[in-house]
């Protein structure tokens, strides 16, 4: 038996459209199969993930921010680029920038040595979203002794948990915090 290519069947197959794998996260796209791979590599609706071990939540960045504050009790704060904000460091905090971007500020106590609070910040967004190459920085200032530090902010979907959030960090010595547990930070785009 010899197989021959049918133009009619080929045309029919090219006309069939498929839903994006991120449909359950809000993507409305229905595309021909040959266009789907390229779309899914840059889909804005790719999920972000809850970094809490065994939680399993996945959803849009906005949904994740609501989940983290409602379900896990994370703090939240609205911030504007270039403006200072006093941020509590006792618990994980979600920061929503004036352009809608979502950041996670992680603060952990350093053990041993001189002590202090280690901070890192990530922008929570899909891994392959357009604009992922944008660069953000944050600046930490203390009231005591004019200490000022700056670090880069990486973008992540938190697919692999908090491992993504510890790449660039700054450590503020305990005696330089504004009040016990507060730090002033400024974000820049």
Protein backbone atom coordinates (compact mmCIF):
# COMPACT_ATOMS: atom_id res chain seq x y z
CA UNK A 1 0.00 0.00 0.00
CA UNK A 2 1.38 3.36 -0.97
CA UNK A 3 0.54 6.48 1.01
CA UNK A 4 -0.04 9.73 -0.81
CA UNK A 5 -0.36 13.15 0.71
CA UNK A 6 -3.82 14.64 0.43
CA UNK A 7 -3.96 18.40 0.00
CA UNK A 8 -7.54 18.50 1.24
CA UNK A 9 -6.69 16.65 4.45
CA UNK A 10 -3.56 18.80 4.91
CA UNK A 11 -5.65 21.96 4.55
CA UNK A 12 -8.25 20.61 6.98
CA UNK A 13 -5.56 19.83 9.56
CA UNK A 14 -4.08 23.32 9.23
CA UNK A 15 -7.53 24.82 9.91
CA UNK A 16 -8.01 22.97 13.20
CA UNK A 17 -7.24 25.19 16.17
CA UNK A 18 -6.14 24.12 19.62
CA UNK A 19 -6.41 25.82 23.00
CA UNK A 20 -3.21 27.05 24.63
CA UNK A 21 -1.98 24.84 27.48
CA UNK A 22 -2.39 27.90 29.72
CA UNK A 23 -6.11 28.22 29.04
CA UNK A 24 -6.97 27.31 32.63
CA UNK A 25 -4.83 30.28 33.73
CA UNK A 26 -6.72 32.72 31.49
CA UNK A 27 -5.18 32.45 28.01
CA UNK A 28 -7.89 32.91 25.37
CA UNK A 29 -5.72 31.78 22.41
CA UNK A 30 -6.86 29.08 19.99
CA UNK A 31 -4.19 28.53 17.34
CA UNK A 32 -3.26 26.08 14.58
CA UNK A 33 -0.86 23.40 15.83
CA UNK A 34 2.06 24.81 13.82
CA UNK A 35 1.76 28.16 15.69
CA UNK A 36 1.15 26.76 19.17
CA UNK A 37 4.75 26.00 20.22
CA UNK A 38 5.94 29.54 19.51
CA UNK A 39 2.92 31.02 21.32
CA UNK A 40 3.35 28.83 24.41
CA UNK A 41 7.01 29.84 24.76
CA UNK A 42 5.97 33.47 25.30
CA UNK A 43 2.43 33.15 26.68
CA UNK A 44 1.65 35.88 29.25
CA UNK A 45 -0.67 33.45 31.04
CA UNK A 46 2.01 30.91 31.93
CA UNK A 47 1.49 30.15 35.64
CA UNK A 48 3.48 31.28 38.64
CA UNK A 49 3.81 28.87 41.56
CA UNK A 50 3.38 28.99 45.31
CA UNK A 51 6.84 28.58 46.87
CA UNK A 52 5.44 27.00 50.04
CA UNK A 53 6.45 23.35 50.17
CA UNK A 54 3.60 20.95 49.27
CA UNK A 55 1.07 23.74 48.63
CA UNK A 56 0.76 23.10 44.90
CA UNK A 57 -1.00 26.35 43.93
CA UNK A 58 -0.36 27.55 40.36
CA UNK A 59 -1.94 30.56 38.69
CA UNK A 60 -1.44 34.00 37.22
CA UNK A 61 0.93 36.31 39.13
CA UNK A 62 -2.04 38.33 40.46
CA UNK A 63 -3.76 35.16 41.66
CA UNK A 64 -0.56 33.97 43.31
CA UNK A 65 -0.19 37.28 45.16
CA UNK A 66 -3.77 36.99 46.47
CA UNK A 67 -3.16 33.34 47.40
CA UNK A 68 0.04 34.13 49.33
CA UNK A 69 -1.60 36.90 51.35
CA UNK A 70 -4.91 35.11 52.01
CA UNK A 71 -3.78 31.51 52.44
CA UNK A 72 -0.28 31.91 53.88
CA UNK A 73 -0.59 35.27 55.65
CA UNK A 74 2.15 37.09 53.72
CA UNK A 75 2.21 40.84 54.11
CA UNK A 76 1.44 43.14 51.18
CA UNK A 77 2.39 46.68 50.36
CA UNK A 78 1.86 49.05 47.43
CA UNK A 79 5.06 50.72 46.27
CA UNK A 80 6.09 53.22 43.61
CA UNK A 81 9.33 53.06 41.65
CA UNK A 82 11.89 55.54 42.92
CA UNK A 83 10.04 56.23 46.18
CA UNK A 84 11.21 54.97 49.55
CA UNK A 85 8.97 52.66 51.58
CA UNK A 86 9.41 51.24 55.06
CA UNK A 87 8.94 47.49 54.82
CA UNK A 88 8.51 45.12 57.78
CA UNK A 89 11.02 42.29 57.69
CA UNK A 90 9.40 39.85 60.13
CA UNK A 91 7.40 38.01 57.47
CA UNK A 92 7.52 37.47 53.71
CA UNK A 93 6.05 40.46 51.88
CA UNK A 94 4.40 40.90 48.50
CA UNK A 95 5.08 44.32 46.97
CA UNK A 96 2.79 45.58 44.20
CA UNK A 97 4.42 48.28 42.10
CA UNK A 98 2.51 51.20 40.62
CA UNK A 99 2.61 49.52 37.17
CA UNK A 100 1.03 46.31 38.53
CA UNK A 101 4.20 44.23 38.70
CA UNK A 102 4.50 41.95 41.71
CA UNK A 103 7.65 41.52 43.78
CA UNK A 104 8.48 39.24 46.68
CA UNK A 105 10.77 40.54 49.41
CA UNK A 106 12.32 37.76 51.45
CA UNK A 107 14.04 38.58 54.73
CA UNK A 108 15.80 35.97 56.83
CA UNK A 109 17.87 36.18 59.98
CA UNK A 110 21.55 35.46 59.44
CA UNK A 111 23.03 33.04 61.93
CA UNK A 112 26.48 33.31 63.39
CA UNK A 113 28.97 36.07 62.69
CA UNK A 114 27.64 39.55 63.39
CA UNK A 115 24.03 38.59 62.75
CA UNK A 116 21.74 40.71 60.69
CA UNK A 117 18.88 40.39 58.23
CA UNK A 118 19.55 39.03 54.74
CA UNK A 119 17.20 40.34 52.06
CA UNK A 120 16.51 39.31 48.51
CA UNK A 121 13.82 40.37 46.07
CA UNK A 122 12.35 38.73 42.98
CA UNK A 123 9.81 39.90 40.41
CA UNK A 124 7.08 37.25 40.24
CA UNK A 125 6.15 36.70 36.60
CA UNK A 126 5.98 33.91 34.03
CA UNK A 127 9.44 32.68 33.07
CA UNK A 128 9.13 33.41 29.35
CA UNK A 129 6.93 36.50 29.35
CA UNK A 130 7.73 39.41 27.05
CA UNK A 131 9.85 41.96 28.87
CA UNK A 132 11.55 39.32 31.03
CA UNK A 133 14.87 40.94 30.14
CA UNK A 134 13.89 44.16 31.95
CA UNK A 135 16.23 45.00 34.78
CA UNK A 136 15.08 46.01 38.24
CA UNK A 137 17.14 46.93 41.27
CA UNK A 138 16.30 47.69 44.84
CA UNK A 139 18.15 49.84 47.27
CA UNK A 140 18.33 49.35 51.03
CA UNK A 141 19.00 52.30 53.30
CA UNK A 142 19.24 52.45 57.04
CA UNK A 143 18.86 55.43 59.32
CA UNK A 144 22.00 54.61 61.26
CA UNK A 145 25.46 55.31 59.88
CA UNK A 146 24.20 56.06 56.33
CA UNK A 147 24.48 52.48 55.11
CA UNK A 148 23.23 52.10 51.52
CA UNK A 149 23.24 48.88 49.43
CA UNK A 150 21.83 47.99 46.03
CA UNK A 151 21.03 44.60 44.48
CA UNK A 152 19.57 43.24 41.25
CA UNK A 153 16.07 41.77 41.07
CA UNK A 154 15.62 38.56 39.11
CA UNK A 155 12.34 37.56 37.45
CA UNK A 156 10.90 34.14 38.28
CA UNK A 157 7.69 32.13 38.25
CA UNK A 158 8.85 30.44 41.49
CA UNK A 159 8.47 27.14 39.61
CA UNK A 160 11.35 25.72 41.67
CA UNK A 161 10.34 27.34 44.95
CA UNK A 162 12.38 29.79 46.96
CA UNK A 163 15.68 28.64 45.42
CA UNK A 164 15.01 31.31 42.77
CA UNK A 165 14.78 34.05 45.39
CA UNK A 166 18.24 33.86 46.92
CA UNK A 167 20.57 34.74 44.06
CA UNK A 168 21.32 38.39 44.91
CA UNK A 169 21.03 39.39 48.55
CA UNK A 170 22.07 42.13 50.88
CA UNK A 171 22.57 41.82 54.63
CA UNK A 172 21.69 44.62 57.03
CA UNK A 173 23.36 44.38 60.45
CA UNK A 174 20.84 44.31 63.32
CA UNK A 175 22.03 47.57 64.85
CA UNK A 176 21.34 49.43 61.58
CA UNK A 177 17.63 48.65 61.17
CA UNK A 178 15.27 51.67 61.37
CA UNK A 179 13.26 49.99 64.10
CA UNK A 180 13.56 46.40 65.12
CA UNK A 181 12.16 44.58 62.11
CA UNK A 182 11.81 47.45 59.60
CA UNK A 183 13.93 48.42 56.63
CA UNK A 184 13.60 51.20 54.08
CA UNK A 185 13.80 50.05 50.46
CA UNK A 186 13.46 51.76 47.11
CA UNK A 187 12.75 49.97 43.80
CA UNK A 188 14.00 51.14 40.44
CA UNK A 189 13.02 50.06 36.98
